[in-house]
Amino acid sequence: MTRTRFKQRPGIQVAVIFTMSLIWSTTKYNREAPIIDGYFFEKNQQKGSKRYWRCRECNVTAITVDQSLYKVNGEHDHLPNPAEKMQRKFKRKIKETISSQPTLSSKEVSK
């Protein structure tokens, strides 16, 4: 999704275009959750195919339609947490390994 913001200067109008990245992750309850530009969002509500999300750490909201990013409202007042993204990936990989091969020992899973 690209986001356009217009900045007014005396006699000049400048358009600033932002490109936002959307990655889908899963929560500990195995529900989908978006990561938008490195910020984690939690589901707020759903109306049909439109889902409303809220940032975990501030009041920024986002709207997705189906699996596409539709709109982001607000500015974050904190930095993104890339370490959390890595932890989620690692946990998901461990869960997938355990579910596909339940007889493995803990040492074999951690390899």
PDB file of N, CA and C in Angstrom:
ATOM      1  N   MET A   1       0.844  -1.172   0.000  1.00  0.00           N
ATOM      2  CA  MET A   1       0.000   0.000   0.000  1.00  0.00           C
ATOM      3  C   MET A   1       0.887   1.231   0.000  1.00  0.00           C
ATOM      4  N   THR A   2       0.519   2.204  -0.783  1.00  0.00           N
ATOM      5  CA  THR A   2       1.228   3.475  -0.737  1.00  0.00           C
ATOM      6  C   THR A   2       0.341   4.481  -0.042  1.00  0.00           C
ATOM      7  N   ARG A   3       0.970   5.340   0.698  1.00  0.00           N
ATOM      8  CA  ARG A   3       0.241   6.336   1.470  1.00  0.00           C
ATOM      9  C   ARG A   3       0.765   7.690   1.036  1.00  0.00           C
ATOM     10  N   THR A   4      -0.126   8.602   0.668  1.00  0.00           N
ATOM     11  CA  THR A   4       0.275   9.917   0.206  1.00  0.00           C
ATOM     12  C   THR A   4      -0.114  10.953   1.244  1.00  0.00           C
ATOM     13  N   ARG A   5       0.819  11.800   1.560  1.00  0.00           N
ATOM     14  CA  ARG A   5       0.541  12.893   2.487  1.00  0.00           C
ATOM     15  C   ARG A   5       0.965  14.179   1.808  1.00  0.00           C
ATOM     16  N   PHE A   6       0.100  15.175   1.838  1.00  0.00           N
ATOM     17  CA  PHE A   6       0.409  16.447   1.218  1.00  0.00           C
ATOM     18  C   PHE A   6       0.881  17.420   2.278  1.00  0.00           C
ATOM     19  N   LYS A   7       2.010  18.061   2.007  1.00  0.00           N
ATOM     20  CA  LYS A   7       2.542  19.062   2.922  1.00  0.00           C
ATOM     21  C   LYS A   7       2.397  20.424   2.269  1.00  0.00           C
ATOM     22  N   GLN A   8       1.860  21.367   3.000  1.00  0.00           N
ATOM     23  CA  GLN A   8       1.655  22.713   2.491  1.00  0.00           C
ATOM     24  C   GLN A   8       2.859  23.586   2.833  1.00  0.00           C
ATOM     25  N   ARG A   9       3.384  24.250   1.860  1.00  0.00           N
ATOM     26  CA  ARG A   9       4.422  25.249   2.031  1.00  0.00           C
ATOM     27  C   ARG A   9       3.907  26.516   1.339  1.00  0.00           C
ATOM     28  N   PRO A  10       4.328  27.656   1.760  1.00  0.00           N
ATOM     29  CA  PRO A  10       3.854  28.880   1.091  1.00  0.00           C
ATOM     30  C   PRO A  10       4.111  28.838  -0.414  1.00  0.00           C
ATOM     31  N   GLY A  11       3.054  28.793  -1.188  1.00  0.00           N
ATOM     32  CA  GLY A  11       3.153  28.786  -2.641  1.00  0.00           C
ATOM     33  C   GLY A  11       3.496  27.447  -3.262  1.00  0.00           C
ATOM     34  N   ILE A  12       3.751  26.407  -2.439  1.00  0.00           N
ATOM     35  CA  ILE A  12       4.144  25.097  -2.961  1.00  0.00           C
ATOM     36  C   ILE A  12       3.352  24.012  -2.244  1.00  0.00           C
ATOM     37  N   GLN A  13       2.890  23.029  -2.989  1.00  0.00           N
ATOM     38  CA  GLN A  13       2.263  21.856  -2.387  1.00  0.00           C
ATOM     39  C   GLN A  13       3.121  20.651  -2.736  1.00  0.00           C
ATOM     40  N   VAL A  14       3.614  19.951  -1.724  1.00  0.00           N
ATOM     41  CA  VAL A  14       4.518  18.821  -1.920  1.00  0.00           C
ATOM     42  C   VAL A  14       3.794  17.544  -1.526  1.00  0.00           C
ATOM     43  N   ALA A  15       3.849  16.522  -2.380  1.00  0.00           N
ATOM     44  CA  ALA A  15       3.259  15.220  -2.062  1.00  0.00           C
ATOM     45  C   ALA A  15       4.376  14.285  -1.626  1.00  0.00           C
ATOM     46  N   VAL A  16       4.225  13.706  -0.445  1.00  0.00           N
ATOM     47  CA  VAL A  16       5.186  12.738   0.062  1.00  0.00           C
ATOM     48  C   VAL A  16       4.521  11.376   0.005  1.00  0.00           C
ATOM     49  N   ILE A  17       5.132  10.411  -0.665  1.00  0.00           N
ATOM     50  CA  ILE A  17       4.530   9.092  -0.832  1.00  0.00           C
ATOM     51  C   ILE A  17       5.294   8.084   0.020  1.00  0.00           C
ATOM     52  N   PHE A  18       4.549   7.354   0.872  1.00  0.00           N
ATOM     53  CA  PHE A  18       5.116   6.331   1.728  1.00  0.00           C
ATOM     54  C   PHE A  18       4.671   4.971   1.217  1.00  0.00           C
ATOM     55  N   THR A  19       5.551   4.008   1.196  1.00  0.00           N
ATOM     56  CA  THR A  19       5.182   2.644   0.865  1.00  0.00           C
ATOM     57  C   THR A  19       5.203   1.839   2.158  1.00  0.00           C
ATOM     58  N   MET A  20       4.103   1.167   2.468  1.00  0.00           N
ATOM     59  CA  MET A  20       3.989   0.420   3.709  1.00  0.00           C
ATOM     60  C   MET A  20       4.062  -1.070   3.422  1.00  0.00           C
ATOM     61  N   SER A  21       4.791  -1.783   4.271  1.00  0.00           N
ATOM     62  CA  SER A  21       4.890  -3.231   4.097  1.00  0.00           C
ATOM     63  C   SER A  21       3.908  -3.927   5.037  1.00  0.00           C
ATOM     64  N   LEU A  22       3.303  -4.980   4.547  1.00  0.00           N
ATOM     65  CA  LEU A  22       2.340  -5.767   5.329  1.00  0.00           C
ATOM     66  C   LEU A  22       2.789  -7.212   5.335  1.00  0.00           C
ATOM     67  N   ILE A  23       2.984  -7.755   6.536  1.00  0.00           N
ATOM     68  CA  ILE A  23       3.334  -9.162   6.710  1.00  0.00           C
ATOM     69  C   ILE A  23       2.302  -9.762   7.646  1.00  0.00           C
ATOM     70  N   TRP A  24       1.818 -10.941   7.339  1.00  0.00           N
ATOM     71  CA  TRP A  24       0.855 -11.610   8.210  1.00  0.00           C
ATOM     72  C   TRP A  24       1.590 -12.576   9.117  1.00  0.00           C
ATOM     73  N   SER A  25       1.258 -12.527  10.392  1.00  0.00           N
ATOM     74  CA  SER A  25       1.842 -13.397  11.398  1.00  0.00           C
ATOM     75  C   SER A  25       0.704 -14.100  12.127  1.00  0.00           C
ATOM     76  N   THR A  26       1.039 -14.944  13.085  1.00  0.00           N
ATOM     77  CA  THR A  26       0.017 -15.581  13.904  1.00  0.00           C
ATOM     78  C   THR A  26       0.275 -15.259  15.371  1.00  0.00           C
ATOM     79  N   THR A  27      -0.808 -15.140  16.130  1.00  0.00           N
ATOM     80  CA  THR A  27      -0.700 -14.871  17.558  1.00  0.00           C
ATOM     81  C   THR A  27      -0.481 -16.182  18.304  1.00  0.00           C
ATOM     82  N   LYS A  28      -0.295 -16.090  19.608  1.00  0.00           N
ATOM     83  CA  LYS A  28      -0.118 -17.316  20.398  1.00  0.00           C
ATOM     84  C   LYS A  28      -1.393 -18.161  20.420  1.00  0.00           C
ATOM     85  N   TYR A  29      -2.515 -17.554  20.046  1.00  0.00           N
ATOM     86  CA  TYR A  29      -3.784 -18.288  19.958  1.00  0.00           C
ATOM     87  C   TYR A  29      -4.055 -18.765  18.531  1.00  0.00           C
ATOM     88  N   ASN A  30      -3.008 -18.707  17.683  1.00  0.00           N
ATOM     89  CA  ASN A  30      -3.074 -19.165  16.298  1.00  0.00           C
ATOM     90  C   ASN A  30      -4.060 -18.359  15.444  1.00  0.00           C
ATOM     91  N   ARG A  31      -4.180 -17.073  15.734  1.00  0.00           N
ATOM     92  CA  ARG A  31      -5.008 -16.178  14.930  1.00  0.00           C
ATOM     93  C   ARG A  31      -4.103 -15.289  14.089  1.00  0.00           C
ATOM     94  N   GLU A  32      -4.595 -14.875  12.937  1.00  0.00           N
ATOM     95  CA  GLU A  32      -3.814 -13.999  12.071  1.00  0.00           C
ATOM     96  C   GLU A  32      -3.698 -12.603  12.687  1.00  0.00           C
ATOM     97  N   ALA A  33      -2.547 -11.987  12.478  1.00  0.00           N
ATOM     98  CA  ALA A  33      -2.325 -10.610  12.923  1.00  0.00           C
ATOM     99  C   ALA A  33      -1.338  -9.948  11.971  1.00  0.00           C
ATOM    100  N   PRO A  34      -1.618  -8.706  11.576  1.00  0.00           N
ATOM    101  CA  PRO A  34      -0.699  -8.035  10.653  1.00  0.00           C
ATOM    102  C   PRO A  34       0.472  -7.375  11.362  1.00  0.00           C
ATOM    103  N   ILE A  35       1.587  -7.347  10.661  1.00  0.00           N
ATOM    104  CA  ILE A  35       2.739  -6.558  11.076  1.00  0.00           C
ATOM    105  C   ILE A  35       2.916  -5.535   9.961  1.00  0.00           C
ATOM    106  N   ILE A  36       2.689  -4.276  10.288  1.00  0.00           N
ATOM    107  CA  ILE A  36       2.736  -3.214   9.293  1.00  0.00           C
ATOM    108  C   ILE A  36       3.952  -2.345   9.582  1.00  0.00           C
ATOM    109  N   ASP A  37       4.899  -2.351   8.667  1.00  0.00           N
ATOM    110  CA  ASP A  37       6.154  -1.609   8.825  1.00  0.00           C
ATOM    111  C   ASP A  37       6.866  -1.934  10.129  1.00  0.00           C
ATOM    112  N   GLY A  38       6.762  -3.179  10.585  1.00  0.00           N
ATOM    113  CA  GLY A  38       7.451  -3.597  11.803  1.00  0.00           C
ATOM    114  C   GLY A  38       6.656  -3.377  13.081  1.00  0.00           C
ATOM    115  N   TYR A  39       5.460  -2.821  12.989  1.00  0.00           N
ATOM    116  CA  TYR A  39       4.603  -2.587  14.149  1.00  0.00           C
ATOM    117  C   TYR A  39       3.542  -3.689  14.222  1.00  0.00           C
ATOM    118  N   PHE A  40       3.321  -4.212  15.415  1.00  0.00           N
ATOM    119  CA  PHE A  40       2.377  -5.308  15.608  1.00  0.00           C
ATOM    120  C   PHE A  40       0.983  -4.764  15.923  1.00  0.00           C
ATOM    121  N   PHE A  41      -0.011  -5.338  15.269  1.00  0.00           N
ATOM    122  CA  PHE A  41      -1.400  -4.910  15.452  1.00  0.00           C
ATOM    123  C   PHE A  41      -2.233  -6.066  15.984  1.00  0.00           C
ATOM    124  N   GLU A  42      -3.261  -5.722  16.759  1.00  0.00           N
ATOM    125  CA  GLU A  42      -4.211  -6.703  17.282  1.00  0.00           C
ATOM    126  C   GLU A  42      -5.589  -6.383  16.732  1.00  0.00           C
ATOM    127  N   LYS A  43      -6.388  -7.424  16.537  1.00  0.00           N
ATOM    128  CA  LYS A  43      -7.719  -7.245  15.960  1.00  0.00           C
ATOM    129  C   LYS A  43      -8.621  -6.501  16.934  1.00  0.00           C
ATOM    130  N   ASN A  44      -9.298  -5.493  16.408  1.00  0.00           N
ATOM    131  CA  ASN A  44     -10.224  -4.693  17.201  1.00  0.00           C
ATOM    132  C   ASN A  44     -11.656  -5.145  16.925  1.00  0.00           C
ATOM    133  N   GLN A  45     -12.040  -5.206  15.648  1.00  0.00           N
ATOM    134  CA  GLN A  45     -13.362  -5.692  15.271  1.00  0.00           C
ATOM    135  C   GLN A  45     -13.374  -6.088  13.796  1.00  0.00           C
ATOM    136  N   GLN A  46     -14.481  -6.695  13.372  1.00  0.00           N
ATOM    137  CA  GLN A  46     -14.616  -7.128  11.989  1.00  0.00           C
ATOM    138  C   GLN A  46     -16.032  -6.872  11.516  1.00  0.00           C
ATOM    139  N   LYS A  47     -16.145  -6.357  10.285  1.00  0.00           N
ATOM    140  CA  LYS A  47     -17.442  -6.144   9.637  1.00  0.00           C
ATOM    141  C   LYS A  47     -17.331  -6.675   8.222  1.00  0.00           C
ATOM    142  N   GLY A  48     -17.844  -7.871   8.012  1.00  0.00           N
ATOM    143  CA  GLY A  48     -17.725  -8.515   6.702  1.00  0.00           C
ATOM    144  C   GLY A  48     -16.277  -8.866   6.417  1.00  0.00           C
ATOM    145  N   SER A  49     -15.776  -8.449   5.247  1.00  0.00           N
ATOM    146  CA  SER A  49     -14.384  -8.740   4.894  1.00  0.00           C
ATOM    147  C   SER A  49     -13.433  -7.652   5.404  1.00  0.00           C
ATOM    148  N   LYS A  50     -13.985  -6.604   6.010  1.00  0.00           N
ATOM    149  CA  LYS A  50     -13.180  -5.500   6.549  1.00  0.00           C
ATOM    150  C   LYS A  50     -12.803  -5.802   7.993  1.00  0.00           C
ATOM    151  N   ARG A  51     -11.506  -5.775   8.289  1.00  0.00           N
ATOM    152  CA  ARG A  51     -11.050  -6.001   9.665  1.00  0.00           C
ATOM    153  C   ARG A  51     -10.336  -4.756  10.172  1.00  0.00           C
ATOM    154  N   TYR A  52     -10.643  -4.403  11.398  1.00  0.00           N
ATOM    155  CA  TYR A  52     -10.079  -3.217  12.036  1.00  0.00           C
ATOM    156  C   TYR A  52      -9.052  -3.654  13.059  1.00  0.00           C
ATOM    157  N   TRP A  53      -7.886  -3.017  13.038  1.00  0.00           N
ATOM    158  CA  TRP A  53      -6.765  -3.392  13.883  1.00  0.00           C
ATOM    159  C   TRP A  53      -6.290  -2.200  14.695  1.00  0.00           C
ATOM    160  N   ARG A  54      -5.692  -2.466  15.846  1.00  0.00           N
ATOM    161  CA  ARG A  54      -5.119  -1.431  16.704  1.00  0.00           C
ATOM    162  C   ARG A  54      -3.699  -1.838  17.057  1.00  0.00           C
ATOM    163  N   CYS A  55      -2.784  -0.857  17.020  1.00  0.00           N
ATOM    164  CA  CYS A  55      -1.394  -1.118  17.393  1.00  0.00           C
ATOM    165  C   CYS A  55      -1.356  -1.579  18.842  1.00  0.00           C
ATOM    166  N   ARG A  56      -0.475  -2.513  19.136  1.00  0.00           N
ATOM    167  CA  ARG A  56      -0.361  -3.039  20.502  1.00  0.00           C
ATOM    168  C   ARG A  56       0.081  -1.996  21.516  1.00  0.00           C
ATOM    169  N   GLU A  57       0.878  -1.022  21.073  1.00  0.00           N
ATOM    170  CA  GLU A  57       1.509  -0.105  22.013  1.00  0.00           C
ATOM    171  C   GLU A  57       0.997   1.327  21.969  1.00  0.00           C
ATOM    172  N   CYS A  58       0.213   1.695  20.963  1.00  0.00           N
ATOM    173  CA  CYS A  58      -0.301   3.069  20.886  1.00  0.00           C
ATOM    174  C   CYS A  58      -1.678   3.045  20.214  1.00  0.00           C
ATOM    175  N   ASN A  59      -2.185   4.203  19.854  1.00  0.00           N
ATOM    176  CA  ASN A  59      -3.554   4.295  19.333  1.00  0.00           C
ATOM    177  C   ASN A  59      -3.654   4.319  17.812  1.00  0.00           C
ATOM    178  N   VAL A  60      -2.625   3.903  17.109  1.00  0.00           N
ATOM    179  CA  VAL A  60      -2.688   3.840  15.652  1.00  0.00           C
ATOM    180  C   VAL A  60      -3.617   2.701  15.251  1.00  0.00           C
ATOM    181  N   THR A  61      -4.469   2.962  14.267  1.00  0.00           N
ATOM    182  CA  THR A  61      -5.405   1.939  13.788  1.00  0.00           C
ATOM    183  C   THR A  61      -5.137   1.644  12.313  1.00  0.00           C
ATOM    184  N   ALA A  62      -5.555   0.467  11.901  1.00  0.00           N
ATOM    185  CA  ALA A  62      -5.398   0.058  10.504  1.00  0.00           C
ATOM    186  C   ALA A  62      -6.642  -0.716  10.082  1.00  0.00           C
ATOM    187  N   ILE A  63      -6.900  -0.702   8.787  1.00  0.00           N
ATOM    188  CA  ILE A  63      -8.027  -1.441   8.222  1.00  0.00           C
ATOM    189  C   ILE A  63      -7.485  -2.325   7.109  1.00  0.00           C
ATOM    190  N   THR A  64      -7.869  -3.603   7.132  1.00  0.00           N
ATOM    191  CA  THR A  64      -7.544  -4.498   6.031  1.00  0.00           C
ATOM    192  C   THR A  64      -8.844  -4.984   5.405  1.00  0.00           C
ATOM    193  N   VAL A  65      -8.799  -5.199   4.109  1.00  0.00           N
ATOM    194  CA  VAL A  65      -9.928  -5.781   3.378  1.00  0.00           C
ATOM    195  C   VAL A  65      -9.385  -7.053   2.747  1.00  0.00           C
ATOM    196  N   ASP A  66     -10.025  -8.178   3.098  1.00  0.00           N
ATOM    197  CA  ASP A  66      -9.506  -9.492   2.739  1.00  0.00           C
ATOM    198  C   ASP A  66      -8.088  -9.587   3.313  1.00  0.00           C
ATOM    199  N   GLN A  67      -7.071  -9.724   2.518  1.00  0.00           N
ATOM    200  CA  GLN A  67      -5.696  -9.813   3.034  1.00  0.00           C
ATOM    201  C   GLN A  67      -4.864  -8.593   2.645  1.00  0.00           C
ATOM    202  N   SER A  68      -5.516  -7.530   2.189  1.00  0.00           N
ATOM    203  CA  SER A  68      -4.803  -6.342   1.718  1.00  0.00           C
ATOM    204  C   SER A  68      -4.961  -5.178   2.682  1.00  0.00           C
ATOM    205  N   LEU A  69      -3.913  -4.392   2.800  1.00  0.00           N
ATOM    206  CA  LEU A  69      -3.942  -3.204   3.645  1.00  0.00           C
ATOM    207  C   LEU A  69      -4.734  -2.120   2.944  1.00  0.00           C
ATOM    208  N   TYR A  70      -5.724  -1.563   3.632  1.00  0.00           N
ATOM    209  CA  TYR A  70      -6.591  -0.539   3.054  1.00  0.00           C
ATOM    210  C   TYR A  70      -6.214   0.844   3.562  1.00  0.00           C
ATOM    211  N   LYS A  71      -6.032   0.984   4.889  1.00  0.00           N
ATOM    212  CA  LYS A  71      -5.806   2.305   5.446  1.00  0.00           C
ATOM    213  C   LYS A  71      -5.115   2.201   6.798  1.00  0.00           C
ATOM    214  N   VAL A  72      -4.248   3.176   7.092  1.00  0.00           N
ATOM    215  CA  VAL A  72      -3.612   3.289   8.405  1.00  0.00           C
ATOM    216  C   VAL A  72      -3.858   4.702   8.904  1.00  0.00           C
ATOM    217  N   ASN A  73      -4.363   4.823  10.135  1.00  0.00           N
ATOM    218  CA  ASN A  73      -4.665   6.130  10.718  1.00  0.00           C
ATOM    219  C   ASN A  73      -3.762   6.419  11.902  1.00  0.00           C
ATOM    220  N   GLY A  74      -3.115   7.569  11.889  1.00  0.00           N
ATOM    221  CA  GLY A  74      -2.316   7.996  13.028  1.00  0.00           C
ATOM    222  C   GLY A  74      -0.834   7.791  12.826  1.00  0.00           C
ATOM    223  N   GLU A  75      -0.076   8.251  13.801  1.00  0.00           N
ATOM    224  CA  GLU A  75       1.376   8.129  13.811  1.00  0.00           C
ATOM    225  C   GLU A  75       1.785   7.392  15.077  1.00  0.00           C
ATOM    226  N   HIS A  76       2.711   6.471  14.961  1.00  0.00           N
ATOM    227  CA  HIS A  76       3.193   5.728  16.128  1.00  0.00           C
ATOM    228  C   HIS A  76       4.034   6.650  17.006  1.00  0.00           C
ATOM    229  N   ASP A  77       3.927   6.476  18.319  1.00  0.00           N
ATOM    230  CA  ASP A  77       4.727   7.269  19.249  1.00  0.00           C
ATOM    231  C   ASP A  77       5.847   6.420  19.858  1.00  0.00           C
ATOM    232  N   HIS A  78       6.214   5.347  19.165  1.00  0.00           N
ATOM    233  CA  HIS A  78       7.256   4.429  19.623  1.00  0.00           C
ATOM    234  C   HIS A  78       7.944   3.829  18.403  1.00  0.00           C
ATOM    235  N   LEU A  79       9.066   3.176  18.635  1.00  0.00           N
ATOM    236  CA  LEU A  79       9.798   2.521  17.546  1.00  0.00           C
ATOM    237  C   LEU A  79       9.272   1.108  17.333  1.00  0.00           C
ATOM    238  N   PRO A  80       9.430   0.548  16.114  1.00  0.00           N
ATOM    239  CA  PRO A  80       9.035  -0.849  15.893  1.00  0.00           C
ATOM    240  C   PRO A  80       9.955  -1.778  16.664  1.00  0.00           C
ATOM    241  N   ASN A  81       9.476  -3.011  16.907  1.00  0.00           N
ATOM    242  CA  ASN A  81      10.251  -3.973  17.679  1.00  0.00           C
ATOM    243  C   ASN A  81      10.616  -5.156  16.789  1.00  0.00           C
ATOM    244  N   PRO A  82      11.771  -5.099  16.089  1.00  0.00           N
ATOM    245  CA  PRO A  82      12.141  -6.193  15.180  1.00  0.00           C
ATOM    246  C   PRO A  82      12.466  -7.499  15.904  1.00  0.00           C
ATOM    247  N   ALA A  83      12.900  -7.420  17.162  1.00  0.00           N
ATOM    248  CA  ALA A  83      13.218  -8.640  17.910  1.00  0.00           C
ATOM    249  C   ALA A  83      11.964  -9.486  18.121  1.00  0.00           C
ATOM    250  N   GLU A  84      10.832  -8.843  18.336  1.00  0.00           N
ATOM    251  CA  GLU A  84       9.577  -9.570  18.531  1.00  0.00           C
ATOM    252  C   GLU A  84       9.203 -10.344  17.274  1.00  0.00           C
ATOM    253  N   LYS A  85       9.472  -9.754  16.118  1.00  0.00           N
ATOM    254  CA  LYS A  85       9.191 -10.430  14.845  1.00  0.00           C
ATOM    255  C   LYS A  85      10.020 -11.711  14.736  1.00  0.00           C
ATOM    256  N   MET A  86      11.287 -11.635  15.109  1.00  0.00           N
ATOM    257  CA  MET A  86      12.163 -12.809  15.067  1.00  0.00           C
ATOM    258  C   MET A  86      11.683 -13.880  16.050  1.00  0.00           C
ATOM    259  N   GLN A  87      11.252 -13.465  17.247  1.00  0.00           N
ATOM    260  CA  GLN A  87      10.755 -14.420  18.234  1.00  0.00           C
ATOM    261  C   GLN A  87       9.531 -15.147  17.709  1.00  0.00           C
ATOM    262  N   ARG A  88       8.620 -14.424  17.081  1.00  0.00           N
ATOM    263  CA  ARG A  88       7.414 -15.046  16.541  1.00  0.00           C
ATOM    264  C   ARG A  88       7.757 -16.073  15.462  1.00  0.00           C
ATOM    265  N   LYS A  89       8.674 -15.712  14.568  1.00  0.00           N
ATOM    266  CA  LYS A  89       9.083 -16.642  13.512  1.00  0.00           C
ATOM    267  C   LYS A  89       9.675 -17.913  14.113  1.00  0.00           C
ATOM    268  N   PHE A  90      10.541 -17.739  15.110  1.00  0.00           N
ATOM    269  CA  PHE A  90      11.195 -18.872  15.755  1.00  0.00           C
ATOM    270  C   PHE A  90      10.175 -19.778  16.444  1.00  0.00           C
ATOM    271  N   LYS A  91       9.237 -19.180  17.186  1.00  0.00           N
ATOM    272  CA  LYS A  91       8.210 -19.965  17.870  1.00  0.00           C
ATOM    273  C   LYS A  91       7.337 -20.715  16.868  1.00  0.00           C
ATOM    274  N   ARG A  92       6.976 -20.036  15.766  1.00  0.00           N
ATOM    275  CA  ARG A  92       6.140 -20.679  14.748  1.00  0.00           C
ATOM    276  C   ARG A  92       6.867 -21.874  14.142  1.00  0.00           C
ATOM    277  N   LYS A  93       8.177 -21.724  13.892  1.00  0.00           N
ATOM    278  CA  LYS A  93       8.959 -22.812  13.317  1.00  0.00           C
ATOM    279  C   LYS A  93       9.018 -24.001  14.278  1.00  0.00           C
ATOM    280  N   ILE A  94       9.206 -23.734  15.560  1.00  0.00           N
ATOM    281  CA  ILE A  94       9.238 -24.808  16.563  1.00  0.00           C
ATOM    282  C   ILE A  94       7.894 -25.528  16.617  1.00  0.00           C
ATOM    283  N   LYS A  95       6.788 -24.764  16.628  1.00  0.00           N
ATOM    284  CA  LYS A  95       5.457 -25.384  16.666  1.00  0.00           C
ATOM    285  C   LYS A  95       5.210 -26.259  15.447  1.00  0.00           C
ATOM    286  N   GLU A  96       5.612 -25.773  14.278  1.00  0.00           N
ATOM    287  CA  GLU A  96       5.430 -26.560  13.052  1.00  0.00           C
ATOM    288  C   GLU A  96       6.251 -27.845  13.093  1.00  0.00           C
ATOM    289  N   THR A  97       7.478 -27.754  13.594  1.00  0.00           N
ATOM    290  CA  THR A  97       8.342 -28.933  13.690  1.00  0.00           C
ATOM    291  C   THR A  97       7.754 -29.953  14.651  1.00  0.00           C
ATOM    292  N   ILE A  98       7.285 -29.487  15.804  1.00  0.00           N
ATOM    293  CA  ILE A  98       6.710 -30.395  16.806  1.00  0.00           C
ATOM    294  C   ILE A  98       5.439 -31.052  16.292  1.00  0.00           C
ATOM    295  N   SER A  99       4.589 -30.276  15.624  1.00  0.00           N
ATOM    296  CA  SER A  99       3.329 -30.852  15.139  1.00  0.00           C
ATOM    297  C   SER A  99       3.554 -31.839  13.987  1.00  0.00           C
ATOM    298  N   SER A 100       4.580 -31.600  13.164  1.00  0.00           N
ATOM    299  CA  SER A 100       4.823 -32.522  12.048  1.00  0.00           C
ATOM    300  C   SER A 100       5.628 -33.752  12.461  1.00  0.00           C
ATOM    301  N   GLN A 101       6.434 -33.614  13.545  1.00  0.00           N
ATOM    302  CA  GLN A 101       7.257 -34.737  14.006  1.00  0.00           C
ATOM    303  C   GLN A 101       7.199 -34.815  15.537  1.00  0.00           C
ATOM    304  N   PRO A 102       6.101 -35.313  16.096  1.00  0.00           N
ATOM    305  CA  PRO A 102       5.915 -35.292  17.554  1.00  0.00           C
ATOM    306  C   PRO A 102       6.864 -36.187  18.348  1.00  0.00           C
ATOM    307  N   THR A 103       7.593 -37.074  17.691  1.00  0.00           N
ATOM    308  CA  THR A 103       8.482 -37.998  18.419  1.00  0.00           C
ATOM    309  C   THR A 103       9.889 -37.441  18.629  1.00  0.00           C
ATOM    310  N   LEU A 104      10.176 -36.262  18.110  1.00  0.00           N
ATOM    311  CA  LEU A 104      11.507 -35.670  18.269  1.00  0.00           C
ATOM    312  C   LEU A 104      11.760 -35.253  19.719  1.00  0.00           C
ATOM    313  N   SER A 105      13.022 -35.359  20.132  1.00  0.00           N
ATOM    314  CA  SER A 105      13.400 -34.884  21.463  1.00  0.00           C
ATOM    315  C   SER A 105      13.589 -33.365  21.402  1.00  0.00           C
ATOM    316  N   SER A 106      13.665 -32.747  22.571  1.00  0.00           N
ATOM    317  CA  SER A 106      13.823 -31.296  22.609  1.00  0.00           C
ATOM    318  C   SER A 106      15.146 -30.844  21.994  1.00  0.00           C
ATOM    319  N   LYS A 107      16.179 -31.651  22.105  1.00  0.00           N
ATOM    320  CA  LYS A 107      17.471 -31.317  21.501  1.00  0.00           C
ATOM    321  C   LYS A 107      17.376 -31.314  19.979  1.00  0.00           C
ATOM    322  N   GLU A 108      16.637 -32.280  19.419  1.00  0.00           N
ATOM    323  CA  GLU A 108      16.491 -32.354  17.971  1.00  0.00           C
ATOM    324  C   GLU A 108      15.639 -31.210  17.427  1.00  0.00           C
ATOM    325  N   VAL A 109      14.642 -30.777  18.195  1.00  0.00           N
ATOM    326  CA  VAL A 109      13.768 -29.680  17.769  1.00  0.00           C
ATOM    327  C   VAL A 109      14.540 -28.369  17.699  1.00  0.00           C
ATOM    328  N   SER A 110      15.441 -28.134  18.653  1.00  0.00           N
ATOM    329  CA  SER A 110      16.164 -26.869  18.718  1.00  0.00           C
ATOM    330  C   SER A 110      17.278 -26.723  17.679  1.00  0.00           C
ATOM    331  N   LYS A 111      17.554 -27.764  16.913  1.00  0.00           N
ATOM    332  CA  LYS A 111      18.625 -27.687  15.899  1.00  0.00           C
ATOM    333  C   LYS A 111      18.236 -26.805  14.755  1.00  0.00           C
TER     334      LYS A 111
END
